[in-house]
Amino acid sequence: MVDIHSHILWGLDDGAKTLEESLAMLKLAAESGTTDIVATPHANSKYRFDPEVIQQRIEEAAAGVSGTPRIHRGCDFHLSYDNVQAAMENPHKYSINGGSYVLVEFPDSPLAGMKRVLTTLIDCGLTPIMTHPERNQILQQRFDSIERWVSEGSFVQVTAASGEIVPGVLLQLPEA
């Protein structure tokens, strides 16, 4: 099983606070059958996204587990003007292992212009994966928009604890 959205790296966002907590989360993931996990610290106005620090934390965490789960670099990319501009300049900075998939988190504000934002990311060679739309009050009322964005090349990631059962998509994780 592959977990494409986790906040397992300590001290970077609202996820794990310590290395010990990260290792406990990784152990639990392995015991639950997770073979690969993508570390996805937030990239938003509150949390700075620093690929060098993230890579360093991945290496430290990987040294503390016995090879499983394998840890991949990713990002919980907030769809803000500054982030989209940065992704246009360096598309693979925020993607899973520098490949084409990028987790995107919608703002809790009106969705005007989101089609254009997703199209911009796609035009930069990225495949947006909309994270936990079941948590976003506005997206819950705009399922037609989600369906349209999926038909135009985006994917959807639903949090397991949401209780919703939806068809999944298997992703081939690019090598680091």
Protein backbone atom coordinates (compact mmCIF):
# COMPACT_ATOMS: atom_id res chain seq x y z
CA MET A 1 0.00 0.00 0.00
CA VAL A 2 1.21 3.51 -0.82
CA ASP A 3 0.31 6.49 1.37
CA ILE A 4 0.68 9.62 -0.79
CA HIS A 5 -0.20 12.18 1.90
CA SER A 6 1.45 12.17 5.31
CA HIS A 7 2.88 14.69 7.72
CA ILE A 8 5.53 12.36 9.13
CA LEU A 9 8.52 14.71 9.12
CA TRP A 10 9.00 16.32 12.49
CA GLY A 11 9.07 20.02 13.20
CA LEU A 12 8.11 21.19 9.71
CA ASP A 13 4.36 21.75 10.02
CA ASP A 14 1.36 20.60 12.06
CA GLY A 15 2.42 16.94 11.80
CA ALA A 16 4.99 15.04 13.84
CA LYS A 17 6.74 17.15 16.48
CA THR A 18 9.82 14.97 17.15
CA LEU A 19 11.96 12.38 15.39
CA GLU A 20 10.64 9.80 17.86
CA GLU A 21 7.06 10.65 16.89
CA SER A 22 7.99 10.36 13.19
CA LEU A 23 9.54 6.93 13.76
CA ALA A 24 6.47 5.77 15.69
CA MET A 25 4.24 6.91 12.82
CA LEU A 26 6.44 5.09 10.29
CA LYS A 27 6.40 1.92 12.40
CA LEU A 28 2.61 2.02 12.61
CA ALA A 29 2.39 2.58 8.84
CA ALA A 30 4.65 -0.43 8.19
CA GLU A 31 2.62 -2.61 10.57
CA SER A 32 -0.52 -1.58 8.67
CA GLY A 33 0.95 -2.74 5.35
CA THR A 34 2.26 0.54 3.98
CA THR A 35 5.27 -0.14 1.76
CA ASP A 36 5.80 3.43 0.54
CA ILE A 37 4.90 6.73 2.14
CA VAL A 38 5.19 10.26 0.77
CA ALA A 39 6.26 12.90 3.27
CA THR A 40 4.14 15.92 2.42
CA PRO A 41 4.93 18.91 4.61
CA HIS A 42 2.78 21.96 3.97
CA ALA A 43 3.85 24.71 1.59
CA ASN A 44 1.70 27.67 2.58
CA SER A 45 1.92 31.10 4.17
CA LYS A 46 2.38 29.55 7.63
CA TYR A 47 4.97 26.86 6.85
CA ARG A 48 8.08 27.38 4.72
CA PHE A 49 8.82 24.59 2.24
CA ASP A 50 12.55 23.83 2.21
CA PRO A 51 13.51 20.83 0.03
CA GLU A 52 16.99 20.55 1.56
CA VAL A 53 15.67 20.30 5.12
CA ILE A 54 12.96 17.89 3.95
CA GLN A 55 15.52 15.62 2.27
CA GLN A 56 17.68 15.69 5.39
CA ARG A 57 14.70 14.71 7.58
CA ILE A 58 13.73 11.93 5.15
CA GLU A 59 17.26 10.51 5.35
CA GLU A 60 17.27 10.68 9.16
CA ALA A 61 13.85 9.04 9.40
CA ALA A 62 14.77 6.34 6.85
CA ALA A 63 17.83 5.48 8.94
CA GLY A 64 15.50 4.80 11.87
CA VAL A 65 13.32 2.25 10.06
CA SER A 66 14.29 -1.10 8.62
CA GLY A 67 13.67 -0.22 4.98
CA THR A 68 9.87 -0.18 5.19
CA PRO A 69 8.10 1.96 4.47
CA ARG A 70 10.23 3.64 1.84
CA ILE A 71 9.94 7.41 2.28
CA HIS A 72 9.43 9.69 -0.71
CA ARG A 73 9.55 13.50 -0.92
CA GLY A 74 6.36 15.39 -1.61
CA CYS A 75 4.46 18.46 -0.54
CA ASP A 76 1.00 19.57 0.59
CA PHE A 77 0.94 22.47 -1.89
CA HIS A 78 -1.49 25.26 -0.99
CA LEU A 79 -3.02 26.87 -4.07
CA SER A 80 -1.94 30.44 -3.42
CA TYR A 81 -0.70 33.02 -5.91
CA ASP A 82 2.89 32.90 -4.58
CA ASN A 83 3.03 29.10 -4.64
CA VAL A 84 1.67 28.84 -8.16
CA GLN A 85 4.20 31.41 -9.37
CA ALA A 86 7.00 29.44 -7.70
CA ALA A 87 5.75 26.19 -9.26
CA MET A 88 5.72 27.81 -12.69
CA GLU A 89 9.42 28.70 -12.22
CA ASN A 90 10.40 25.30 -10.79
CA PRO A 91 7.56 22.79 -11.40
CA HIS A 92 9.18 19.76 -9.81
CA LYS A 93 10.25 21.43 -6.57
CA TYR A 94 6.90 20.56 -5.00
CA SER A 95 6.08 17.30 -6.77
CA ILE A 96 6.36 13.73 -5.52
CA ASN A 97 10.04 12.77 -5.91
CA GLY A 98 10.47 15.48 -8.54
CA GLY A 99 8.05 13.71 -10.88
CA SER A 100 4.80 14.97 -12.31
CA TYR A 101 2.33 14.45 -9.43
CA VAL A 102 1.71 17.29 -6.97
CA LEU A 103 -0.75 17.31 -4.07
CA VAL A 104 -2.77 20.52 -4.12
CA GLU A 105 -4.74 21.96 -1.24
CA PHE A 106 -7.57 24.36 -2.02
CA PRO A 107 -8.08 27.54 -0.03
CA ASP A 108 -11.11 27.88 2.21
CA SER A 109 -12.35 30.77 0.07
CA PRO A 110 -14.33 31.11 -3.14
CA LEU A 111 -12.98 28.97 -5.96
CA ALA A 112 -12.97 31.60 -8.69
CA GLY A 113 -10.07 30.98 -11.01
CA MET A 114 -9.25 27.47 -9.78
CA LYS A 115 -9.79 25.92 -13.22
CA ARG A 116 -7.15 28.29 -14.58
CA VAL A 117 -4.79 27.49 -11.69
CA LEU A 118 -5.10 23.73 -12.26
CA THR A 119 -4.64 24.22 -16.00
CA THR A 120 -1.50 26.30 -15.34
CA LEU A 121 -0.04 23.48 -13.25
CA ILE A 122 -0.92 20.92 -15.94
CA ASP A 123 0.67 23.16 -18.58
CA CYS A 124 3.86 23.17 -16.46
CA GLY A 125 3.98 19.37 -16.66
CA LEU A 126 2.38 18.68 -13.29
CA THR A 127 -0.59 16.44 -12.52
CA PRO A 128 -2.59 17.98 -9.65
CA ILE A 129 -3.97 15.66 -7.00
CA MET A 130 -6.64 17.52 -5.04
CA THR A 131 -6.17 16.70 -1.34
CA HIS A 132 -9.02 15.84 0.98
CA PRO A 133 -11.85 17.70 -0.77
CA GLU A 134 -14.22 16.16 1.78
CA ARG A 135 -12.79 18.59 4.36
CA ASN A 136 -13.34 21.72 2.28
CA GLN A 137 -16.81 23.21 2.83
CA ILE A 138 -16.82 25.00 -0.52
CA LEU A 139 -15.67 21.95 -2.50
CA GLN A 140 -18.35 19.83 -0.81
CA GLN A 141 -20.94 22.07 -2.45
CA ARG A 142 -19.16 22.05 -5.84
CA PHE A 143 -18.86 18.37 -6.71
CA ASP A 144 -19.55 19.29 -10.34
CA SER A 145 -16.33 21.32 -10.35
CA ILE A 146 -14.34 18.41 -8.95
CA GLU A 147 -15.75 16.11 -11.62
CA ARG A 148 -14.85 18.60 -14.35
CA TRP A 149 -11.30 19.08 -13.03
CA VAL A 150 -10.81 15.31 -12.92
CA SER A 151 -12.04 15.00 -16.50
CA GLU A 152 -9.46 17.67 -17.42
CA GLY A 153 -6.50 15.82 -15.91
CA SER A 154 -6.52 16.22 -12.13
CA PHE A 155 -6.89 13.45 -9.55
CA VAL A 156 -8.50 13.36 -6.11
CA GLN A 157 -7.07 12.09 -2.81
CA VAL A 158 -9.56 11.36 -0.04
CA THR A 159 -8.48 10.90 3.57
CA ALA A 160 -9.11 7.33 4.75
CA ALA A 161 -10.66 8.46 8.02
CA SER A 162 -13.33 10.40 6.14
CA GLY A 163 -15.49 7.28 5.89
CA GLU A 164 -16.04 7.83 2.18
CA ILE A 165 -15.32 5.00 -0.23
CA VAL A 166 -14.29 6.15 -3.67
CA PRO A 167 -12.44 4.46 -6.51
CA GLY A 168 -8.69 4.94 -6.12
CA VAL A 169 -5.92 5.57 -8.58
CA LEU A 170 -2.61 3.76 -8.35
CA LEU A 171 0.33 6.04 -8.97
CA GLN A 172 3.77 4.95 -10.06
CA LEU A 173 6.12 6.83 -7.78
CA PRO A 174 9.10 8.23 -9.67
CA GLU A 175 12.50 7.30 -8.29
CA ALA A 176 14.13 9.90 -6.08
